[in-house]
Protein backbone atom coordinates (compact mmCIF):
# COMPACT_ATOMS: atom_id res chain seq x y z
CA UNK A 1 0.00 0.00 0.00
CA UNK A 2 1.31 3.46 -0.79
CA UNK A 3 0.17 6.60 0.98
CA UNK A 4 0.78 9.99 -0.65
CA UNK A 5 0.37 13.31 1.11
CA UNK A 6 -1.27 15.63 -1.41
CA UNK A 7 0.24 18.77 0.15
CA UNK A 8 3.89 17.73 0.44
CA UNK A 9 3.90 14.81 -2.02
CA UNK A 10 5.65 12.72 0.66
CA UNK A 11 5.17 8.98 0.13
CA UNK A 12 4.97 6.10 2.61
CA UNK A 13 5.05 2.53 1.34
CA UNK A 14 3.80 -0.45 3.36
CA UNK A 15 4.48 -3.99 2.20
CA UNK A 16 1.70 -6.40 3.09
CA UNK A 17 1.25 -10.15 2.82
CA UNK A 18 -2.42 -9.72 1.87
CA UNK A 19 -5.12 -7.07 1.56
CA UNK A 20 -6.57 -8.06 4.92
CA UNK A 21 -3.81 -6.06 6.58
CA UNK A 22 -4.96 -2.80 4.99
CA UNK A 23 -7.19 -1.61 7.82
CA UNK A 24 -4.57 -2.05 10.54
CA UNK A 25 -1.85 -0.34 8.45
CA UNK A 26 -4.20 2.52 7.62
CA UNK A 27 -5.34 2.99 11.21
CA UNK A 28 -1.75 2.94 12.42
CA UNK A 29 -0.79 5.53 9.81
CA UNK A 30 -3.59 7.89 10.86
CA UNK A 31 -2.38 7.67 14.46
CA UNK A 32 1.25 8.08 13.33
CA UNK A 33 0.40 11.23 11.34
CA UNK A 34 -1.38 12.77 14.32
CA UNK A 35 1.42 11.93 16.78
CA UNK A 36 4.36 12.75 14.51
CA UNK A 37 3.10 15.78 12.62
CA UNK A 38 0.21 17.01 14.77
CA UNK A 39 -2.06 16.73 11.73
CA UNK A 40 -5.30 14.85 11.19
CA UNK A 41 -5.92 12.80 8.07
CA UNK A 42 -8.97 14.40 6.48
CA UNK A 43 -9.43 12.45 3.25
CA UNK A 44 -8.62 8.97 2.03
CA UNK A 45 -8.71 8.18 -1.67
CA UNK A 46 -8.75 4.58 -2.72
CA UNK A 47 -9.74 2.28 -5.55
CA UNK A 48 -12.84 1.38 -3.46
CA UNK A 49 -11.56 -2.14 -2.99
CA UNK A 50 -13.35 -4.20 -0.36
CA UNK A 51 -10.42 -3.76 2.02
CA UNK A 52 -11.32 -0.05 2.27
CA UNK A 53 -15.03 -0.60 2.80
CA UNK A 54 -15.21 -3.22 5.56
CA UNK A 55 -17.51 -2.25 8.41
CA UNK A 56 -14.77 -1.82 11.03
CA UNK A 57 -12.71 0.50 8.79
CA UNK A 58 -15.82 2.53 7.95
CA UNK A 59 -16.47 2.89 11.68
CA UNK A 60 -12.88 4.09 12.13
CA UNK A 61 -13.40 6.69 9.37
CA UNK A 62 -16.50 7.95 11.18
CA UNK A 63 -14.78 8.16 14.56
CA UNK A 64 -11.87 10.12 13.11
CA UNK A 65 -14.13 12.19 10.81
CA UNK A 66 -12.29 11.03 7.71
CA UNK A 67 -13.99 11.40 4.33
CA UNK A 68 -13.65 8.35 2.11
PDB file of N, CA and C in Angstrom:
ATOM      1  N   UNK A   1       0.862  -1.151   0.000  1.00  0.00           N
ATOM      2  CA  UNK A   1       0.000   0.000   0.000  1.00  0.00           C
ATOM      3  C   UNK A   1       0.909   1.214   0.000  1.00  0.00           C
ATOM      4  N   UNK A   2       0.574   2.202  -0.806  1.00  0.00           N
ATOM      5  CA  UNK A   2       1.315   3.459  -0.785  1.00  0.00           C
ATOM      6  C   UNK A   2       0.377   4.570  -0.332  1.00  0.00           C
ATOM      7  N   UNK A   3       0.924   5.448   0.470  1.00  0.00           N
ATOM      8  CA  UNK A   3       0.174   6.598   0.980  1.00  0.00           C
ATOM      9  C   UNK A   3       0.910   7.836   0.509  1.00  0.00           C
ATOM     10  N   UNK A   4       0.186   8.760  -0.127  1.00  0.00           N
ATOM     11  CA  UNK A   4       0.778   9.985  -0.648  1.00  0.00           C
ATOM     12  C   UNK A   4       0.092  11.173   0.005  1.00  0.00           C
ATOM     13  N   UNK A   5       0.895  12.071   0.560  1.00  0.00           N
ATOM     14  CA  UNK A   5       0.366  13.314   1.115  1.00  0.00           C
ATOM     15  C   UNK A   5       0.207  14.299  -0.039  1.00  0.00           C
ATOM     16  N   UNK A   6      -1.017  14.729  -0.300  1.00  0.00           N
ATOM     17  CA  UNK A   6      -1.274  15.633  -1.413  1.00  0.00           C
ATOM     18  C   UNK A   6      -0.542  16.969  -1.275  1.00  0.00           C
ATOM     19  N   UNK A   7      -0.380  17.457  -0.053  1.00  0.00           N
ATOM     20  CA  UNK A   7       0.239  18.766   0.152  1.00  0.00           C
ATOM     21  C   UNK A   7       1.749  18.727  -0.091  1.00  0.00           C
ATOM     22  N   UNK A   8       2.425  17.768   0.527  1.00  0.00           N
ATOM     23  CA  UNK A   8       3.886  17.734   0.445  1.00  0.00           C
ATOM     24  C   UNK A   8       4.412  16.755  -0.598  1.00  0.00           C
ATOM     25  N   UNK A   9       3.559  15.882  -1.089  1.00  0.00           N
ATOM     26  CA  UNK A   9       3.902  14.811  -2.017  1.00  0.00           C
ATOM     27  C   UNK A   9       4.813  13.762  -1.376  1.00  0.00           C
ATOM     28  N   UNK A  10       4.894  13.756  -0.051  1.00  0.00           N
ATOM     29  CA  UNK A  10       5.648  12.716   0.663  1.00  0.00           C
ATOM     30  C   UNK A  10       4.938  11.382   0.456  1.00  0.00           C
ATOM     31  N   UNK A  11       5.718  10.304   0.404  1.00  0.00           N
ATOM     32  CA  UNK A  11       5.170   8.981   0.133  1.00  0.00           C
ATOM     33  C   UNK A  11       5.623   8.004   1.215  1.00  0.00           C
ATOM     34  N   UNK A  12       4.688   7.202   1.697  1.00  0.00           N
ATOM     35  CA  UNK A  12       4.972   6.101   2.615  1.00  0.00           C
ATOM     36  C   UNK A  12       4.533   4.824   1.913  1.00  0.00           C
ATOM     37  N   UNK A  13       5.364   3.802   1.988  1.00  0.00           N
ATOM     38  CA  UNK A  13       5.055   2.526   1.344  1.00  0.00           C
ATOM     39  C   UNK A  13       5.029   1.444   2.413  1.00  0.00           C
ATOM     40  N   UNK A  14       3.958   0.665   2.427  1.00  0.00           N
ATOM     41  CA  UNK A  14       3.804  -0.445   3.363  1.00  0.00           C
ATOM     42  C   UNK A  14       3.663  -1.732   2.564  1.00  0.00           C
ATOM     43  N   UNK A  15       4.540  -2.690   2.854  1.00  0.00           N
ATOM     44  CA  UNK A  15       4.480  -3.990   2.196  1.00  0.00           C
ATOM     45  C   UNK A  15       3.617  -4.920   3.032  1.00  0.00           C
ATOM     46  N   UNK A  16       2.636  -5.538   2.394  1.00  0.00           N
ATOM     47  CA  UNK A  16       1.698  -6.404   3.093  1.00  0.00           C
ATOM     48  C   UNK A  16       1.721  -7.798   2.491  1.00  0.00           C
ATOM     49  N   UNK A  17       1.372  -8.775   3.319  1.00  0.00           N
ATOM     50  CA  UNK A  17       1.246 -10.146   2.822  1.00  0.00           C
ATOM     51  C   UNK A  17      -0.064 -10.329   2.073  1.00  0.00           C
ATOM     52  N   UNK A  18      -1.127  -9.659   2.550  1.00  0.00           N
ATOM     53  CA  UNK A  18      -2.416  -9.722   1.871  1.00  0.00           C
ATOM     54  C   UNK A  18      -3.229  -8.469   2.178  1.00  0.00           C
ATOM     55  N   UNK A  19      -4.302  -8.278   1.432  1.00  0.00           N
ATOM     56  CA  UNK A  19      -5.116  -7.073   1.564  1.00  0.00           C
ATOM     57  C   UNK A  19      -5.828  -6.968   2.904  1.00  0.00           C
ATOM     58  N   UNK A  20      -5.924  -8.071   3.611  1.00  0.00           N
ATOM     59  CA  UNK A  20      -6.572  -8.063   4.917  1.00  0.00           C
ATOM     60  C   UNK A  20      -5.839  -7.214   5.937  1.00  0.00           C
ATOM     61  N   UNK A  21      -4.598  -6.890   5.667  1.00  0.00           N
ATOM     62  CA  UNK A  21      -3.810  -6.059   6.576  1.00  0.00           C
ATOM     63  C   UNK A  21      -4.041  -4.568   6.367  1.00  0.00           C
ATOM     64  N   UNK A  22      -4.765  -4.200   5.344  1.00  0.00           N
ATOM     65  CA  UNK A  22      -4.958  -2.797   4.987  1.00  0.00           C
ATOM     66  C   UNK A  22      -5.501  -1.966   6.135  1.00  0.00           C
ATOM     67  N   UNK A  23      -6.557  -2.430   6.780  1.00  0.00           N
ATOM     68  CA  UNK A  23      -7.188  -1.608   7.817  1.00  0.00           C
ATOM     69  C   UNK A  23      -6.241  -1.322   8.976  1.00  0.00           C
ATOM     70  N   UNK A  24      -5.468  -2.305   9.416  1.00  0.00           N
ATOM     71  CA  UNK A  24      -4.565  -2.054  10.536  1.00  0.00           C
ATOM     72  C   UNK A  24      -3.437  -1.105  10.135  1.00  0.00           C
ATOM     73  N   UNK A  25      -2.886  -1.259   8.920  1.00  0.00           N
ATOM     74  CA  UNK A  25      -1.853  -0.343   8.453  1.00  0.00           C
ATOM     75  C   UNK A  25      -2.399   1.075   8.329  1.00  0.00           C
ATOM     76  N   UNK A  26      -3.601   1.197   7.804  1.00  0.00           N
ATOM     77  CA  UNK A  26      -4.203   2.516   7.618  1.00  0.00           C
ATOM     78  C   UNK A  26      -4.507   3.181   8.958  1.00  0.00           C
ATOM     79  N   UNK A  27      -5.056   2.439   9.883  1.00  0.00           N
ATOM     80  CA  UNK A  27      -5.344   2.991  11.208  1.00  0.00           C
ATOM     81  C   UNK A  27      -4.056   3.415  11.905  1.00  0.00           C
ATOM     82  N   UNK A  28      -3.029   2.590  11.812  1.00  0.00           N
ATOM     83  CA  UNK A  28      -1.747   2.939  12.420  1.00  0.00           C
ATOM     84  C   UNK A  28      -1.148   4.189  11.787  1.00  0.00           C
ATOM     85  N   UNK A  29      -1.316   4.343  10.467  1.00  0.00           N
ATOM     86  CA  UNK A  29      -0.789   5.531   9.806  1.00  0.00           C
ATOM     87  C   UNK A  29      -1.512   6.788  10.260  1.00  0.00           C
ATOM     88  N   UNK A  30      -2.818   6.724  10.400  1.00  0.00           N
ATOM     89  CA  UNK A  30      -3.593   7.887  10.857  1.00  0.00           C
ATOM     90  C   UNK A  30      -3.110   8.316  12.249  1.00  0.00           C
ATOM     91  N   UNK A  31      -2.881   7.366  13.113  1.00  0.00           N
ATOM     92  CA  UNK A  31      -2.379   7.666  14.461  1.00  0.00           C
ATOM     93  C   UNK A  31      -0.953   8.214  14.382  1.00  0.00           C
ATOM     94  N   UNK A  32      -0.117   7.621  13.530  1.00  0.00           N
ATOM     95  CA  UNK A  32       1.251   8.084  13.330  1.00  0.00           C
ATOM     96  C   UNK A  32       1.270   9.542  12.856  1.00  0.00           C
ATOM     97  N   UNK A  33       0.444   9.871  11.879  1.00  0.00           N
ATOM     98  CA  UNK A  33       0.404  11.229  11.342  1.00  0.00           C
ATOM     99  C   UNK A  33       0.023  12.231  12.424  1.00  0.00           C
ATOM    100  N   UNK A  34      -0.943  11.879  13.239  1.00  0.00           N
ATOM    101  CA  UNK A  34      -1.381  12.769  14.322  1.00  0.00           C
ATOM    102  C   UNK A  34      -0.269  12.947  15.354  1.00  0.00           C
ATOM    103  N   UNK A  35       0.382  11.855  15.760  1.00  0.00           N
ATOM    104  CA  UNK A  35       1.421  11.930  16.781  1.00  0.00           C
ATOM    105  C   UNK A  35       2.707  12.575  16.283  1.00  0.00           C
ATOM    106  N   UNK A  36       3.086  12.271  15.041  1.00  0.00           N
ATOM    107  CA  UNK A  36       4.359  12.752  14.509  1.00  0.00           C
ATOM    108  C   UNK A  36       4.293  14.176  13.960  1.00  0.00           C
ATOM    109  N   UNK A  37       3.201  14.500  13.307  1.00  0.00           N
ATOM    110  CA  UNK A  37       3.097  15.784  12.621  1.00  0.00           C
ATOM    111  C   UNK A  37       2.048  16.709  13.223  1.00  0.00           C
ATOM    112  N   UNK A  38       1.266  16.197  14.169  1.00  0.00           N
ATOM    113  CA  UNK A  38       0.207  17.007  14.766  1.00  0.00           C
ATOM    114  C   UNK A  38      -0.909  17.327  13.793  1.00  0.00           C
ATOM    115  N   UNK A  39      -1.053  16.501  12.780  1.00  0.00           N
ATOM    116  CA  UNK A  39      -2.064  16.728  11.732  1.00  0.00           C
ATOM    117  C   UNK A  39      -3.035  15.569  11.677  1.00  0.00           C
ATOM    118  N   UNK A  40      -4.279  15.879  11.390  1.00  0.00           N
ATOM    119  CA  UNK A  40      -5.302  14.854  11.189  1.00  0.00           C
ATOM    120  C   UNK A  40      -5.381  14.492   9.721  1.00  0.00           C
ATOM    121  N   UNK A  41      -5.635  13.237   9.437  1.00  0.00           N
ATOM    122  CA  UNK A  41      -5.916  12.803   8.074  1.00  0.00           C
ATOM    123  C   UNK A  41      -7.371  13.156   7.815  1.00  0.00           C
ATOM    124  N   UNK A  42      -7.612  13.936   6.772  1.00  0.00           N
ATOM    125  CA  UNK A  42      -8.972  14.398   6.480  1.00  0.00           C
ATOM    126  C   UNK A  42      -9.647  13.608   5.368  1.00  0.00           C
ATOM    127  N   UNK A  43      -8.869  13.142   4.410  1.00  0.00           N
ATOM    128  CA  UNK A  43      -9.425  12.446   3.255  1.00  0.00           C
ATOM    129  C   UNK A  43      -8.607  11.202   2.958  1.00  0.00           C
ATOM    130  N   UNK A  44      -9.287  10.175   2.508  1.00  0.00           N
ATOM    131  CA  UNK A  44      -8.622   8.966   2.031  1.00  0.00           C
ATOM    132  C   UNK A  44      -9.190   8.665   0.653  1.00  0.00           C
ATOM    133  N   UNK A  45      -8.299   8.568  -0.317  1.00  0.00           N
ATOM    134  CA  UNK A  45      -8.707   8.183  -1.669  1.00  0.00           C
ATOM    135  C   UNK A  45      -8.242   6.756  -1.898  1.00  0.00           C
ATOM    136  N   UNK A  46      -9.105   5.974  -2.467  1.00  0.00           N
ATOM    137  CA  UNK A  46      -8.752   4.575  -2.720  1.00  0.00           C
ATOM    138  C   UNK A  46      -9.403   4.112  -4.018  1.00  0.00           C
ATOM    139  N   UNK A  47      -9.114   2.873  -4.359  1.00  0.00           N
ATOM    140  CA  UNK A  47      -9.741   2.285  -5.547  1.00  0.00           C
ATOM    141  C   UNK A  47     -11.081   1.639  -5.195  1.00  0.00           C
ATOM    142  N   UNK A  48     -11.582   1.925  -3.973  1.00  0.00           N
ATOM    143  CA  UNK A  48     -12.841   1.380  -3.461  1.00  0.00           C
ATOM    144  C   UNK A  48     -12.838  -0.143  -3.386  1.00  0.00           C
ATOM    145  N   UNK A  49     -11.654  -0.705  -3.208  1.00  0.00           N
ATOM    146  CA  UNK A  49     -11.564  -2.142  -2.990  1.00  0.00           C
ATOM    147  C   UNK A  49     -12.243  -2.507  -1.682  1.00  0.00           C
ATOM    148  N   UNK A  50     -12.634  -3.750  -1.559  1.00  0.00           N
ATOM    149  CA  UNK A  50     -13.351  -4.196  -0.357  1.00  0.00           C
ATOM    150  C   UNK A  50     -12.563  -3.940   0.916  1.00  0.00           C
ATOM    151  N   UNK A  51     -11.229  -3.975   0.827  1.00  0.00           N
ATOM    152  CA  UNK A  51     -10.419  -3.761   2.021  1.00  0.00           C
ATOM    153  C   UNK A  51     -10.577  -2.351   2.590  1.00  0.00           C
ATOM    154  N   UNK A  52     -11.084  -1.410   1.795  1.00  0.00           N
ATOM    155  CA  UNK A  52     -11.319  -0.045   2.267  1.00  0.00           C
ATOM    156  C   UNK A  52     -12.768   0.195   2.682  1.00  0.00           C
ATOM    157  N   UNK A  53     -13.610  -0.800   2.511  1.00  0.00           N
ATOM    158  CA  UNK A  53     -15.027  -0.595   2.797  1.00  0.00           C
ATOM    159  C   UNK A  53     -15.584  -1.539   3.862  1.00  0.00           C
ATOM    160  N   UNK A  54     -14.733  -2.348   4.484  1.00  0.00           N
ATOM    161  CA  UNK A  54     -15.205  -3.219   5.558  1.00  0.00           C
ATOM    162  C   UNK A  54     -15.822  -2.385   6.671  1.00  0.00           C
ATOM    163  N   UNK A  55     -16.755  -2.969   7.369  1.00  0.00           N
ATOM    164  CA  UNK A  55     -17.506  -2.253   8.405  1.00  0.00           C
ATOM    165  C   UNK A  55     -16.601  -1.626   9.458  1.00  0.00           C
ATOM    166  N   UNK A  56     -15.609  -2.362   9.966  1.00  0.00           N
ATOM    167  CA  UNK A  56     -14.767  -1.820  11.030  1.00  0.00           C
ATOM    168  C   UNK A  56     -13.913  -0.646  10.554  1.00  0.00           C
ATOM    169  N   UNK A  57     -13.492  -0.640   9.285  1.00  0.00           N
ATOM    170  CA  UNK A  57     -12.713   0.495   8.791  1.00  0.00           C
ATOM    171  C   UNK A  57     -13.631   1.684   8.548  1.00  0.00           C
ATOM    172  N   UNK A  58     -14.865   1.434   8.114  1.00  0.00           N
ATOM    173  CA  UNK A  58     -15.824   2.531   7.946  1.00  0.00           C
ATOM    174  C   UNK A  58     -16.133   3.169   9.292  1.00  0.00           C
ATOM    175  N   UNK A  59     -16.236   2.365  10.340  1.00  0.00           N
ATOM    176  CA  UNK A  59     -16.472   2.892  11.683  1.00  0.00           C
ATOM    177  C   UNK A  59     -15.284   3.749  12.111  1.00  0.00           C
ATOM    178  N   UNK A  60     -14.078   3.315  11.804  1.00  0.00           N
ATOM    179  CA  UNK A  60     -12.881   4.090  12.126  1.00  0.00           C
ATOM    180  C   UNK A  60     -12.909   5.432  11.405  1.00  0.00           C
ATOM    181  N   UNK A  61     -13.291   5.436  10.111  1.00  0.00           N
ATOM    182  CA  UNK A  61     -13.403   6.694   9.369  1.00  0.00           C
ATOM    183  C   UNK A  61     -14.368   7.640  10.080  1.00  0.00           C
ATOM    184  N   UNK A  62     -15.492   7.114  10.513  1.00  0.00           N
ATOM    185  CA  UNK A  62     -16.501   7.945  11.181  1.00  0.00           C
ATOM    186  C   UNK A  62     -15.973   8.522  12.501  1.00  0.00           C
ATOM    187  N   UNK A  63     -15.311   7.693  13.279  1.00  0.00           N
ATOM    188  CA  UNK A  63     -14.780   8.156  14.558  1.00  0.00           C
ATOM    189  C   UNK A  63     -13.743   9.248  14.385  1.00  0.00           C
ATOM    190  N   UNK A  64     -12.939   9.157  13.347  1.00  0.00           N
ATOM    191  CA  UNK A  64     -11.865  10.123  13.105  1.00  0.00           C
ATOM    192  C   UNK A  64     -12.311  11.251  12.181  1.00  0.00           C
ATOM    193  N   UNK A  65     -13.563  11.197  11.726  1.00  0.00           N
ATOM    194  CA  UNK A  65     -14.132  12.193  10.814  1.00  0.00           C
ATOM    195  C   UNK A  65     -13.330  12.283   9.514  1.00  0.00           C
ATOM    196  N   UNK A  66     -13.028  11.122   8.958  1.00  0.00           N
ATOM    197  CA  UNK A  66     -12.293  11.026   7.705  1.00  0.00           C
ATOM    198  C   UNK A  66     -13.290  10.804   6.578  1.00  0.00           C
ATOM    199  N   UNK A  67     -13.129  11.562   5.497  1.00  0.00           N
ATOM    200  CA  UNK A  67     -13.990  11.402   4.331  1.00  0.00           C
ATOM    201  C   UNK A  67     -13.355  10.371   3.422  1.00  0.00           C
ATOM    202  N   UNK A  68     -14.152   9.391   3.017  1.00  0.00           N
ATOM    203  CA  UNK A  68     -13.655   8.355   2.106  1.00  0.00           C
ATOM    204  C   UNK A  68     -14.467   8.370   0.850  1.00  0.00           C
TER     205      UNK A  68
END
